[in-house]
C-alpha atoms as a PDB file:
ATOM      1  CA  UNK A   1       4.907  58.103  -9.180  1.00  0.00           C
ATOM      2  CA  UNK A   2       1.749  55.976  -8.082  1.00  0.00           C
ATOM      3  CA  UNK A   3       1.639  52.490  -8.841  1.00  0.00           C
ATOM      4  CA  UNK A   4      -0.500  51.005 -11.200  1.00  0.00           C
ATOM      5  CA  UNK A   5      -2.816  48.362  -9.754  1.00  0.00           C
ATOM      6  CA  UNK A   6      -4.760  46.093 -11.816  1.00  0.00           C
ATOM      7  CA  UNK A   7      -7.263  43.762 -10.773  1.00  0.00           C
ATOM      8  CA  UNK A   8      -7.859  40.540 -12.676  1.00  0.00           C
ATOM      9  CA  UNK A   9     -10.808  38.537 -12.224  1.00  0.00           C
ATOM     10  CA  UNK A  10     -10.358  35.129 -13.842  1.00  0.00           C
ATOM     11  CA  UNK A  11     -11.121  31.824 -12.916  1.00  0.00           C
ATOM     12  CA  UNK A  12      -8.313  29.797 -14.743  1.00  0.00           C
ATOM     13  CA  UNK A  13      -5.317  29.554 -12.533  1.00  0.00           C
ATOM     14  CA  UNK A  14      -2.802  28.901 -15.576  1.00  0.00           C
ATOM     15  CA  UNK A  15      -4.107  32.092 -17.226  1.00  0.00           C
ATOM     16  CA  UNK A  16      -4.027  34.211 -14.147  1.00  0.00           C
ATOM     17  CA  UNK A  17      -0.270  33.083 -13.428  1.00  0.00           C
ATOM     18  CA  UNK A  18       0.855  34.162 -17.343  1.00  0.00           C
ATOM     19  CA  UNK A  19      -1.039  37.671 -17.257  1.00  0.00           C
ATOM     20  CA  UNK A  20      -0.181  38.254 -13.754  1.00  0.00           C
ATOM     21  CA  UNK A  21       3.651  37.699 -14.655  1.00  0.00           C
ATOM     22  CA  UNK A  22       3.280  40.048 -18.116  1.00  0.00           C
ATOM     23  CA  UNK A  23       1.653  42.889 -16.511  1.00  0.00           C
ATOM     24  CA  UNK A  24       4.163  42.835 -13.406  1.00  0.00           C
ATOM     25  CA  UNK A  25       7.222  42.863 -16.010  1.00  0.00           C
ATOM     26  CA  UNK A  26       5.360  46.339 -17.072  1.00  0.00           C
ATOM     27  CA  UNK A  27       5.539  47.474 -13.334  1.00  0.00           C
ATOM     28  CA  UNK A  28       1.753  46.950 -12.692  1.00  0.00           C
ATOM     29  CA  UNK A  29       0.679  45.671  -9.451  1.00  0.00           C
ATOM     30  CA  UNK A  30      -1.655  42.644 -10.042  1.00  0.00           C
ATOM     31  CA  UNK A  31      -4.378  41.664  -7.462  1.00  0.00           C
ATOM     32  CA  UNK A  32      -5.891  38.428  -8.148  1.00  0.00           C
ATOM     33  CA  UNK A  33      -9.561  37.273  -7.637  1.00  0.00           C
ATOM     34  CA  UNK A  34     -10.774  33.529  -8.853  1.00  0.00           C
ATOM     35  CA  UNK A  35     -14.684  34.302  -9.116  1.00  0.00           C
ATOM     36  CA  UNK A  36     -16.942  37.167  -9.362  1.00  0.00           C
ATOM     37  CA  UNK A  37     -17.940  37.519  -5.669  1.00  0.00           C
ATOM     38  CA  UNK A  38     -14.478  37.785  -4.281  1.00  0.00           C
ATOM     39  CA  UNK A  39     -13.533  40.245  -7.362  1.00  0.00           C
ATOM     40  CA  UNK A  40     -16.137  42.596  -6.562  1.00  0.00           C
ATOM     41  CA  UNK A  41     -14.923  42.623  -2.854  1.00  0.00           C
ATOM     42  CA  UNK A  42     -11.323  43.129  -3.882  1.00  0.00           C
ATOM     43  CA  UNK A  43     -12.496  46.151  -6.067  1.00  0.00           C
ATOM     44  CA  UNK A  44     -14.550  47.668  -3.298  1.00  0.00           C
ATOM     45  CA  UNK A  45     -11.598  47.388  -0.853  1.00  0.00           C
ATOM     46  CA  UNK A  46      -8.554  48.114  -3.177  1.00  0.00           C
ATOM     47  CA  UNK A  47      -9.851  50.617  -5.605  1.00  0.00           C
ATOM     48  CA  UNK A  48      -7.883  49.197  -8.658  1.00  0.00           C
ATOM     49  CA  UNK A  49      -7.062  51.496 -11.721  1.00  0.00           C
ATOM     50  CA  UNK A  50      -8.240  49.106 -14.097  1.00  0.00           C
ATOM     51  CA  UNK A  51     -10.143  45.526 -13.826  1.00  0.00           C
ATOM     52  CA  UNK A  52      -9.559  42.593 -16.313  1.00  0.00           C
ATOM     53  CA  UNK A  53     -12.626  40.488 -16.223  1.00  0.00           C
ATOM     54  CA  UNK A  54     -13.263  37.217 -17.606  1.00  0.00           C
ATOM     55  CA  UNK A  55     -17.004  36.652 -18.587  1.00  0.00           C
ATOM     56  CA  UNK A  56     -17.246  32.976 -18.148  1.00  0.00           C
ATOM     57  CA  UNK A  57     -16.685  32.153 -14.273  1.00  0.00           C
ATOM     58  CA  UNK A  58     -18.726  29.917 -11.795  1.00  0.00           C
ATOM     59  CA  UNK A  59     -21.127  31.397  -9.681  1.00  0.00           C
ATOM     60  CA  UNK A  60     -21.657  34.771 -10.861  1.00  0.00           C
ATOM     61  CA  UNK A  61     -20.469  35.528 -14.697  1.00  0.00           C
ATOM     62  CA  UNK A  62     -18.674  38.388 -15.764  1.00  0.00           C
ATOM     63  CA  UNK A  63     -21.766  40.036 -17.040  1.00  0.00           C
ATOM     64  CA  UNK A  64     -22.984  40.127 -13.592  1.00  0.00           C
ATOM     65  CA  UNK A  65     -19.873  41.480 -11.909  1.00  0.00           C
ATOM     66  CA  UNK A  66     -19.877  44.317 -14.579  1.00  0.00           C
ATOM     67  CA  UNK A  67     -23.357  45.196 -13.807  1.00  0.00           C
ATOM     68  CA  UNK A  68     -22.835  45.352 -10.062  1.00  0.00           C
ATOM     69  CA  UNK A  69     -19.379  47.328 -10.236  1.00  0.00           C
ATOM     70  CA  UNK A  70     -21.026  49.672 -12.442  1.00  0.00           C
ATOM     71  CA  UNK A  71     -24.093  50.161 -10.006  1.00  0.00           C
ATOM     72  CA  UNK A  72     -21.612  50.577  -6.696  1.00  0.00           C
ATOM     73  CA  UNK A  73     -20.752  54.136  -6.281  1.00  0.00           C
ATOM     74  CA  UNK A  74     -17.181  52.949  -4.791  1.00  0.00           C
ATOM     75  CA  UNK A  75     -16.378  51.144  -8.339  1.00  0.00           C
ATOM     76  CA  UNK A  76     -18.618  52.530 -10.921  1.00  0.00           C
ATOM     77  CA  UNK A  77     -15.662  54.702 -12.270  1.00  0.00           C
ATOM     78  CA  UNK A  78     -13.133  51.799 -12.342  1.00  0.00           C
ATOM     79  CA  UNK A  79     -12.451  51.005 -15.907  1.00  0.00           C
ATOM     80  CA  UNK A  80     -13.345  47.394 -16.738  1.00  0.00           C
ATOM     81  CA  UNK A  81     -11.640  45.671 -19.691  1.00  0.00           C
ATOM     82  CA  UNK A  82     -13.520  42.336 -20.831  1.00  0.00           C
ATOM     83  CA  UNK A  83     -11.027  39.451 -21.317  1.00  0.00           C
ATOM     84  CA  UNK A  84     -12.916  36.395 -22.711  1.00  0.00           C
ATOM     85  CA  UNK A  85     -13.187  33.464 -24.969  1.00  0.00           C
ATOM     86  CA  UNK A  86     -16.596  34.882 -26.214  1.00  0.00           C
ATOM     87  CA  UNK A  87     -16.529  35.952 -29.805  1.00  0.00           C
ATOM     88  CA  UNK A  88     -20.096  36.724 -30.191  1.00  0.00           C
ATOM     89  CA  UNK A  89     -21.035  40.439 -31.328  1.00  0.00           C
ATOM     90  CA  UNK A  90     -23.919  39.930 -28.788  1.00  0.00           C
ATOM     91  CA  UNK A  91     -22.215  39.351 -25.798  1.00  0.00           C
ATOM     92  CA  UNK A  92     -19.490  42.420 -26.964  1.00  0.00           C
ATOM     93  CA  UNK A  93     -22.539  44.639 -27.169  1.00  0.00           C
ATOM     94  CA  UNK A  94     -23.829  43.434 -23.564  1.00  0.00           C
ATOM     95  CA  UNK A  95     -20.336  44.298 -22.023  1.00  0.00           C
ATOM     96  CA  UNK A  96     -19.961  47.561 -23.721  1.00  0.00           C
ATOM     97  CA  UNK A  97     -23.496  48.300 -22.671  1.00  0.00           C
ATOM     98  CA  UNK A  98     -23.077  47.706 -19.299  1.00  0.00           C
ATOM     99  CA  UNK A  99     -19.757  49.857 -18.960  1.00  0.00           C
ATOM    100  CA  UNK A 100     -16.965  47.871 -20.379  1.00  0.00           C
ATOM    101  CA  UNK A 101     -14.080  49.864 -22.112  1.00  0.00           C
ATOM    102  CA  UNK A 102     -12.461  47.525 -23.922  1.00  0.00           C
ATOM    103  CA  UNK A 103     -13.320  43.883 -25.190  1.00  0.00           C
ATOM    104  CA  UNK A 104     -10.494  41.400 -25.939  1.00  0.00           C
ATOM    105  CA  UNK A 105     -10.800  38.025 -27.275  1.00  0.00           C
ATOM    106  CA  UNK A 106      -8.233  35.609 -25.552  1.00  0.00           C
ATOM    107  CA  UNK A 107      -7.790  33.477 -28.880  1.00  0.00           C
ATOM    108  CA  UNK A 108      -7.445  36.447 -31.169  1.00  0.00           C
ATOM    109  CA  UNK A 109      -4.672  38.334 -29.308  1.00  0.00           C
ATOM    110  CA  UNK A 110      -1.059  37.529 -28.410  1.00  0.00           C
ATOM    111  CA  UNK A 111      -0.359  38.072 -24.756  1.00  0.00           C
ATOM    112  CA  UNK A 112       1.688  41.469 -25.684  1.00  0.00           C
ATOM    113  CA  UNK A 113      -1.306  42.497 -27.302  1.00  0.00           C
ATOM    114  CA  UNK A 114      -3.542  41.909 -24.598  1.00  0.00           C
ATOM    115  CA  UNK A 115      -0.927  43.455 -22.035  1.00  0.00           C
ATOM    116  CA  UNK A 116      -0.589  46.716 -24.422  1.00  0.00           C
ATOM    117  CA  UNK A 117      -4.341  46.994 -24.999  1.00  0.00           C
ATOM    118  CA  UNK A 118      -5.001  46.879 -21.158  1.00  0.00           C
ATOM    119  CA  UNK A 119      -2.199  49.390 -20.401  1.00  0.00           C
ATOM    120  CA  UNK A 120      -3.862  51.708 -22.576  1.00  0.00           C
ATOM    121  CA  UNK A 121      -6.489  52.403 -20.136  1.00  0.00           C
ATOM    122  CA  UNK A 122      -4.300  53.579 -17.135  1.00  0.00           C
END
């Protein structure tokens, strides 16, 4: 069976560690990017099955990353799950319009729920 590959684009090193460990326990290989530019480059080179994307990051934000991923022939079919602290309906609507398959709010979900919601997209 092909290993599931997840790309986590998140600028908070504490959170990346927590999420990485949680997904690896579910036999998912986790690639990490700490900003949008490196996230896009990793997505193009590695072609992960799913991308978990934070919206608030230094440099280009998650909306810009999502837009660029969906415009690129190499990455447009990769499922993107947004994982953010933004609770506004406007942000959620924008992410969905840009092509996110799910929108998870960090403060409203337990780690296990986040993992399960993301795994549902593999």
